[in-house]
N, C-alpha and C. Protein backbone atom coordinates (compact mmCIF):
# COMPACT_ATOMS: atom_id res chain seq x y z
N UNK A 1 4.75 -15.24 -58.78
CA UNK A 1 3.67 -14.88 -57.86
C UNK A 1 2.46 -14.43 -58.68
N UNK A 2 1.35 -14.78 -58.13
CA UNK A 2 0.12 -14.34 -58.79
C UNK A 2 -0.33 -13.02 -58.17
N UNK A 3 -1.26 -12.40 -58.81
CA UNK A 3 -1.79 -11.13 -58.32
C UNK A 3 -2.46 -11.31 -56.97
N UNK A 4 -3.14 -12.44 -56.77
CA UNK A 4 -3.81 -12.71 -55.51
C UNK A 4 -2.80 -12.83 -54.36
N UNK A 5 -1.71 -13.52 -54.58
CA UNK A 5 -0.68 -13.64 -53.54
C UNK A 5 -0.09 -12.28 -53.19
N UNK A 6 0.14 -11.48 -54.22
CA UNK A 6 0.70 -10.15 -54.01
C UNK A 6 -0.27 -9.28 -53.20
N UNK A 7 -1.56 -9.36 -53.48
CA UNK A 7 -2.56 -8.60 -52.71
C UNK A 7 -2.60 -9.06 -51.26
N UNK A 8 -2.50 -10.36 -51.02
CA UNK A 8 -2.50 -10.88 -49.65
C UNK A 8 -1.29 -10.34 -48.89
N UNK A 9 -0.14 -10.32 -49.50
CA UNK A 9 1.07 -9.79 -48.85
C UNK A 9 0.89 -8.30 -48.54
N UNK A 10 0.32 -7.55 -49.46
CA UNK A 10 0.10 -6.12 -49.24
C UNK A 10 -0.87 -5.89 -48.09
N UNK A 11 -1.93 -6.68 -48.02
CA UNK A 11 -2.91 -6.57 -46.92
C UNK A 11 -2.24 -6.89 -45.59
N UNK A 12 -1.44 -7.94 -45.54
CA UNK A 12 -0.75 -8.31 -44.31
C UNK A 12 0.20 -7.19 -43.87
N UNK A 13 0.96 -6.64 -44.81
CA UNK A 13 1.86 -5.54 -44.48
C UNK A 13 1.08 -4.32 -43.98
N UNK A 14 -0.06 -4.05 -44.58
CA UNK A 14 -0.90 -2.93 -44.14
C UNK A 14 -1.41 -3.14 -42.72
N UNK A 15 -1.82 -4.37 -42.39
CA UNK A 15 -2.28 -4.67 -41.03
C UNK A 15 -1.14 -4.52 -40.03
N UNK A 16 0.03 -5.00 -40.36
CA UNK A 16 1.18 -4.86 -39.46
C UNK A 16 1.54 -3.38 -39.25
N UNK A 17 1.48 -2.58 -40.31
CA UNK A 17 1.78 -1.15 -40.18
C UNK A 17 0.74 -0.46 -39.30
N UNK A 18 -0.52 -0.84 -39.43
CA UNK A 18 -1.59 -0.25 -38.61
C UNK A 18 -1.39 -0.59 -37.14
N UNK A 19 -1.11 -1.85 -36.85
CA UNK A 19 -0.90 -2.26 -35.46
C UNK A 19 0.32 -1.57 -34.87
N UNK A 20 1.36 -1.43 -35.65
CA UNK A 20 2.57 -0.75 -35.17
C UNK A 20 2.32 0.71 -34.89
N UNK A 21 1.56 1.38 -35.75
CA UNK A 21 1.30 2.81 -35.53
C UNK A 21 0.40 3.03 -34.33
N UNK A 22 -0.54 2.12 -34.06
CA UNK A 22 -1.39 2.23 -32.87
C UNK A 22 -0.53 2.12 -31.62
N UNK A 23 0.38 1.19 -31.59
CA UNK A 23 1.28 1.03 -30.43
C UNK A 23 2.16 2.26 -30.27
N UNK A 24 2.65 2.79 -31.38
CA UNK A 24 3.50 3.97 -31.34
C UNK A 24 2.74 5.18 -30.78
N UNK A 25 1.47 5.33 -31.14
CA UNK A 25 0.67 6.45 -30.65
C UNK A 25 0.46 6.36 -29.14
N UNK A 26 0.33 5.14 -28.60
CA UNK A 26 0.18 5.02 -27.15
C UNK A 26 1.47 5.41 -26.45
N UNK A 27 2.62 5.10 -27.03
CA UNK A 27 3.90 5.53 -26.46
C UNK A 27 4.03 7.05 -26.49
N UNK A 28 3.58 7.67 -27.57
CA UNK A 28 3.64 9.11 -27.69
C UNK A 28 2.78 9.79 -26.63
N UNK A 29 1.57 9.27 -26.41
CA UNK A 29 0.69 9.82 -25.37
C UNK A 29 1.29 9.70 -24.00
N UNK A 30 1.90 8.56 -23.71
CA UNK A 30 2.54 8.35 -22.41
C UNK A 30 3.75 9.26 -22.24
N UNK A 31 4.47 9.49 -23.32
CA UNK A 31 5.65 10.38 -23.26
C UNK A 31 5.23 11.81 -22.95
N UNK A 32 4.12 12.27 -23.51
CA UNK A 32 3.64 13.62 -23.22
C UNK A 32 3.22 13.75 -21.76
N UNK A 33 2.59 12.72 -21.23
CA UNK A 33 2.19 12.74 -19.82
C UNK A 33 3.43 12.78 -18.92
N UNK A 34 4.43 12.00 -19.24
CA UNK A 34 5.68 12.03 -18.47
C UNK A 34 6.37 13.39 -18.57
N UNK A 35 6.33 13.99 -19.76
CA UNK A 35 6.92 15.31 -19.94
C UNK A 35 6.19 16.34 -19.09
N UNK A 36 4.87 16.26 -19.03
CA UNK A 36 4.10 17.20 -18.21
C UNK A 36 4.47 17.06 -16.74
N UNK A 37 4.68 15.83 -16.27
CA UNK A 37 5.10 15.63 -14.87
C UNK A 37 6.45 16.29 -14.60
N UNK A 38 7.38 16.12 -15.52
CA UNK A 38 8.70 16.73 -15.37
C UNK A 38 8.61 18.25 -15.41
N UNK A 39 7.81 18.78 -16.30
CA UNK A 39 7.65 20.23 -16.38
C UNK A 39 7.01 20.78 -15.11
N UNK A 40 6.07 20.03 -14.55
CA UNK A 40 5.43 20.45 -13.30
C UNK A 40 6.47 20.53 -12.19
N UNK A 41 7.38 19.57 -12.13
CA UNK A 41 8.45 19.60 -11.14
C UNK A 41 9.34 20.83 -11.35
N UNK A 42 9.65 21.14 -12.60
CA UNK A 42 10.47 22.31 -12.91
C UNK A 42 9.77 23.59 -12.46
N UNK A 43 8.47 23.69 -12.71
CA UNK A 43 7.71 24.87 -12.28
C UNK A 43 7.68 24.98 -10.76
N UNK A 44 7.55 23.84 -10.07
CA UNK A 44 7.53 23.86 -8.61
C UNK A 44 8.89 24.33 -8.07
N UNK A 45 9.96 23.92 -8.68
CA UNK A 45 11.29 24.38 -8.27
C UNK A 45 11.44 25.88 -8.52
N UNK A 46 10.96 26.35 -9.66
CA UNK A 46 11.03 27.78 -9.97
C UNK A 46 10.20 28.59 -8.97
N UNK A 47 9.04 28.04 -8.57
CA UNK A 47 8.22 28.72 -7.56
C UNK A 47 8.94 28.80 -6.22
N UNK A 48 9.67 27.75 -5.86
CA UNK A 48 10.46 27.77 -4.62
C UNK A 48 11.53 28.85 -4.68
N UNK A 49 12.23 28.96 -5.81
CA UNK A 49 13.26 29.98 -5.97
C UNK A 49 12.66 31.39 -5.92
N UNK A 50 11.51 31.56 -6.55
CA UNK A 50 10.81 32.84 -6.51
C UNK A 50 10.49 33.21 -5.07
N UNK A 51 9.97 32.25 -4.30
CA UNK A 51 9.60 32.50 -2.90
C UNK A 51 10.84 32.89 -2.08
N UNK A 52 11.97 32.25 -2.33
CA UNK A 52 13.20 32.58 -1.60
C UNK A 52 13.60 34.04 -1.87
N UNK A 53 13.53 34.47 -3.13
CA UNK A 53 13.96 35.82 -3.50
C UNK A 53 12.94 36.89 -3.09
N UNK A 54 11.68 36.63 -3.34
CA UNK A 54 10.65 37.66 -3.17
C UNK A 54 10.03 37.59 -1.77
N UNK A 55 10.06 36.43 -1.14
CA UNK A 55 9.48 36.29 0.18
C UNK A 55 8.05 35.81 0.18
N UNK A 56 7.54 35.54 -1.00
CA UNK A 56 6.17 35.03 -1.14
C UNK A 56 6.04 34.37 -2.51
N UNK A 57 4.95 33.66 -2.69
CA UNK A 57 4.66 33.06 -4.00
C UNK A 57 3.98 34.09 -4.89
N UNK A 58 4.02 33.92 -6.20
CA UNK A 58 3.24 34.81 -7.07
C UNK A 58 1.75 34.66 -6.75
N UNK A 59 1.03 35.74 -6.83
CA UNK A 59 -0.42 35.67 -6.63
C UNK A 59 -1.07 35.00 -7.84
N UNK A 60 -2.32 34.64 -7.70
CA UNK A 60 -3.03 34.06 -8.83
C UNK A 60 -3.10 35.05 -9.98
N UNK A 61 -3.31 36.32 -9.68
CA UNK A 61 -3.40 37.32 -10.75
C UNK A 61 -2.04 37.53 -11.44
N UNK A 62 -0.94 37.45 -10.70
CA UNK A 62 0.39 37.55 -11.32
C UNK A 62 0.66 36.31 -12.16
N UNK A 63 0.21 35.17 -11.68
CA UNK A 63 0.32 33.92 -12.42
C UNK A 63 1.75 33.43 -12.57
N UNK A 64 1.91 32.41 -13.36
CA UNK A 64 3.22 31.81 -13.59
C UNK A 64 4.13 32.69 -14.43
N UNK A 65 3.56 33.67 -15.11
CA UNK A 65 4.40 34.56 -15.91
C UNK A 65 5.34 35.36 -15.02
N UNK A 66 5.05 35.44 -13.70
CA UNK A 66 5.96 36.11 -12.76
C UNK A 66 7.29 35.37 -12.66
N UNK A 67 7.34 34.14 -13.12
CA UNK A 67 8.59 33.38 -13.11
C UNK A 67 9.50 33.76 -14.27
N UNK A 68 8.94 34.45 -15.27
CA UNK A 68 9.70 34.82 -16.46
C UNK A 68 9.89 36.33 -16.56
N UNK A 69 8.88 37.09 -16.15
CA UNK A 69 8.92 38.55 -16.21
C UNK A 69 8.67 39.13 -14.82
N UNK A 70 9.41 40.15 -14.45
CA UNK A 70 9.28 40.76 -13.13
C UNK A 70 7.90 41.41 -12.97
N UNK A 71 7.16 40.99 -11.94
CA UNK A 71 5.92 41.70 -11.63
C UNK A 71 6.25 43.00 -10.91
N UNK A 72 5.39 43.98 -11.03
CA UNK A 72 5.64 45.27 -10.41
C UNK A 72 5.70 45.23 -8.90
N UNK A 73 5.08 44.21 -8.30
CA UNK A 73 5.02 44.12 -6.84
C UNK A 73 6.13 43.26 -6.25
N UNK A 74 7.20 43.03 -6.99
CA UNK A 74 8.28 42.16 -6.52
C UNK A 74 9.63 42.85 -6.72
N UNK A 75 9.99 43.81 -5.86
CA UNK A 75 11.26 44.54 -6.05
C UNK A 75 12.51 43.67 -5.87
N UNK A 76 12.40 42.57 -5.13
CA UNK A 76 13.58 41.71 -4.91
C UNK A 76 13.65 40.54 -5.89
N UNK A 77 12.86 40.61 -6.94
CA UNK A 77 12.84 39.57 -7.99
C UNK A 77 14.21 39.48 -8.63
N UNK A 78 14.75 38.26 -8.74
CA UNK A 78 16.09 38.08 -9.34
C UNK A 78 16.06 37.08 -10.49
N UNK A 79 14.93 36.97 -11.13
CA UNK A 79 14.75 36.00 -12.20
C UNK A 79 15.38 36.44 -13.50
N UNK A 80 15.04 35.83 -14.58
CA UNK A 80 13.94 34.87 -14.70
C UNK A 80 14.29 33.50 -14.10
N UNK A 81 13.26 32.84 -13.63
CA UNK A 81 13.41 31.55 -12.98
C UNK A 81 13.18 30.39 -13.96
N UNK A 82 12.72 30.72 -15.15
CA UNK A 82 12.56 29.75 -16.24
C UNK A 82 13.21 30.33 -17.49
N UNK A 83 13.60 29.49 -18.41
CA UNK A 83 14.31 29.96 -19.61
C UNK A 83 13.41 30.71 -20.58
N UNK A 84 12.16 30.28 -20.70
CA UNK A 84 11.27 30.94 -21.65
C UNK A 84 9.83 30.77 -21.23
N UNK A 85 8.96 31.53 -21.87
CA UNK A 85 7.53 31.42 -21.61
C UNK A 85 6.97 30.09 -22.10
N UNK A 86 7.68 29.43 -22.99
CA UNK A 86 7.21 28.14 -23.49
C UNK A 86 7.07 27.12 -22.37
N UNK A 87 7.85 27.27 -21.30
CA UNK A 87 7.79 26.35 -20.16
C UNK A 87 6.50 26.52 -19.36
N UNK A 88 5.73 27.55 -19.65
CA UNK A 88 4.48 27.80 -18.94
C UNK A 88 3.30 27.06 -19.56
N UNK A 89 3.55 26.34 -20.66
CA UNK A 89 2.51 25.58 -21.35
C UNK A 89 2.82 24.09 -21.26
N UNK A 90 1.77 23.29 -21.16
CA UNK A 90 1.96 21.84 -21.08
C UNK A 90 2.25 21.26 -22.47
N UNK A 91 2.55 19.97 -22.57
CA UNK A 91 2.89 19.39 -23.88
C UNK A 91 1.76 19.45 -24.91
N UNK A 92 0.53 19.74 -24.45
CA UNK A 92 -0.60 19.86 -25.36
C UNK A 92 -0.86 21.31 -25.72
N UNK A 93 0.10 22.18 -25.39
CA UNK A 93 0.10 23.61 -25.73
C UNK A 93 -1.00 24.40 -25.04
N UNK A 94 -1.37 23.96 -23.84
CA UNK A 94 -2.31 24.72 -23.02
C UNK A 94 -1.56 25.22 -21.78
N UNK A 95 -1.87 26.40 -21.30
CA UNK A 95 -1.15 26.91 -20.13
C UNK A 95 -1.44 26.07 -18.89
N UNK A 96 -0.41 25.89 -18.05
CA UNK A 96 -0.63 25.24 -16.76
C UNK A 96 -1.54 26.13 -15.93
N UNK A 97 -2.38 25.51 -15.14
CA UNK A 97 -3.28 26.27 -14.26
C UNK A 97 -2.60 26.46 -12.92
N UNK A 98 -2.67 27.70 -12.42
CA UNK A 98 -2.00 28.06 -11.17
C UNK A 98 -2.96 28.87 -10.32
N UNK A 99 -3.02 28.52 -9.03
CA UNK A 99 -3.83 29.27 -8.08
C UNK A 99 -3.07 29.36 -6.76
N UNK A 100 -2.96 30.58 -6.24
CA UNK A 100 -2.28 30.78 -4.96
C UNK A 100 -3.04 31.82 -4.15
N UNK A 101 -3.50 31.49 -2.96
CA UNK A 101 -3.34 30.21 -2.29
C UNK A 101 -4.24 29.16 -2.94
N UNK A 102 -3.80 27.93 -2.83
CA UNK A 102 -4.52 26.83 -3.46
C UNK A 102 -5.56 26.23 -2.54
N UNK A 103 -6.39 25.38 -3.09
CA UNK A 103 -7.38 24.66 -2.29
C UNK A 103 -6.79 23.37 -1.72
N UNK A 104 -5.69 22.91 -2.29
CA UNK A 104 -5.05 21.66 -1.85
C UNK A 104 -3.72 21.87 -1.14
N UNK A 105 -3.24 23.09 -1.11
CA UNK A 105 -1.96 23.39 -0.49
C UNK A 105 -1.66 24.87 -0.63
N UNK A 106 -0.39 25.22 -0.49
CA UNK A 106 0.02 26.62 -0.65
C UNK A 106 -0.39 27.16 -2.01
N UNK A 107 -0.25 26.31 -3.01
CA UNK A 107 -0.67 26.65 -4.36
C UNK A 107 -1.13 25.39 -5.06
N UNK A 108 -1.98 25.57 -6.05
CA UNK A 108 -2.41 24.47 -6.90
C UNK A 108 -1.83 24.72 -8.28
N UNK A 109 -1.18 23.71 -8.83
CA UNK A 109 -0.56 23.78 -10.14
C UNK A 109 -0.96 22.51 -10.88
N UNK A 110 -1.56 22.63 -12.06
CA UNK A 110 -2.03 21.44 -12.74
C UNK A 110 -2.18 21.62 -14.24
N UNK A 111 -2.24 20.47 -14.90
CA UNK A 111 -2.59 20.37 -16.31
C UNK A 111 -3.71 19.33 -16.39
N UNK A 112 -4.69 19.57 -17.25
CA UNK A 112 -5.80 18.63 -17.39
C UNK A 112 -5.50 17.48 -18.35
N UNK A 113 -4.28 17.36 -18.83
CA UNK A 113 -3.91 16.24 -19.69
C UNK A 113 -4.33 16.46 -21.13
N UNK A 114 -4.33 15.38 -21.89
CA UNK A 114 -4.55 15.46 -23.34
C UNK A 114 -5.94 15.99 -23.71
N UNK A 115 -6.96 15.63 -22.93
CA UNK A 115 -8.32 16.05 -23.29
C UNK A 115 -8.66 17.46 -22.84
N UNK A 116 -7.86 18.05 -21.95
CA UNK A 116 -8.09 19.42 -21.51
C UNK A 116 -9.26 19.59 -20.55
N UNK A 117 -9.81 18.49 -20.03
CA UNK A 117 -10.90 18.57 -19.07
C UNK A 117 -10.53 17.82 -17.80
N UNK A 118 -11.19 18.16 -16.71
CA UNK A 118 -10.88 17.55 -15.41
C UNK A 118 -11.16 16.05 -15.43
N UNK A 119 -10.34 15.31 -14.70
CA UNK A 119 -10.51 13.86 -14.62
C UNK A 119 -9.89 13.16 -15.80
N UNK A 120 -10.17 11.90 -15.92
CA UNK A 120 -9.67 11.13 -17.04
C UNK A 120 -8.67 10.08 -16.63
N UNK A 121 -8.34 9.23 -17.56
CA UNK A 121 -7.39 8.15 -17.34
C UNK A 121 -6.34 8.18 -18.43
N UNK A 122 -5.27 7.45 -18.19
CA UNK A 122 -4.19 7.31 -19.15
C UNK A 122 -3.65 8.70 -19.53
N UNK A 123 -3.60 9.03 -20.81
CA UNK A 123 -3.05 10.33 -21.21
C UNK A 123 -4.02 11.47 -20.97
N UNK A 124 -5.25 11.19 -20.61
CA UNK A 124 -6.24 12.22 -20.30
C UNK A 124 -6.26 12.58 -18.81
N UNK A 125 -5.46 11.89 -18.02
CA UNK A 125 -5.47 12.14 -16.57
C UNK A 125 -4.90 13.51 -16.24
N UNK A 126 -5.37 14.05 -15.11
CA UNK A 126 -4.86 15.33 -14.64
C UNK A 126 -3.45 15.11 -14.06
N UNK A 127 -2.57 16.06 -14.31
CA UNK A 127 -1.22 16.06 -13.72
C UNK A 127 -1.22 17.20 -12.73
N UNK A 128 -1.05 16.89 -11.44
CA UNK A 128 -1.24 17.90 -10.39
C UNK A 128 -0.04 17.98 -9.46
N UNK A 129 0.10 19.13 -8.82
CA UNK A 129 1.23 19.36 -7.91
C UNK A 129 1.04 18.68 -6.56
N UNK A 130 -0.18 18.47 -6.13
CA UNK A 130 -0.39 17.95 -4.79
C UNK A 130 -0.22 16.44 -4.69
N UNK A 131 -0.02 15.75 -5.77
CA UNK A 131 0.29 14.31 -5.72
C UNK A 131 1.79 14.08 -5.84
N UNK A 132 2.55 15.14 -6.03
CA UNK A 132 3.98 15.00 -6.28
C UNK A 132 4.72 14.77 -4.99
């Protein structure tokens, strides 16, 4: 083999590696979005259990941390309803947003996706409780 042939093979391998890593990154982004949807479902279930025990949802000021630590205003709290505080953050390590009462329902629970801002498409899309 000549040096030129060897360089051509190296360039081709580099292009294939680049294309493969781009495809892999899109799978990773989609996996994080799917994980956020599953976590949102888990939080909604924990909120239902909290409501059964306490008789109401956590207030906005109590927030989702009421699912892990007893708030002072909940004497019938029988939690924790989640295993750890880590479940209160989305896959991009930002806290889920919670408001009760919500503007779209009893409560609003959402993550703004990968970009951390409202709106977006693909992995930047908002993951919300009211579409579930």
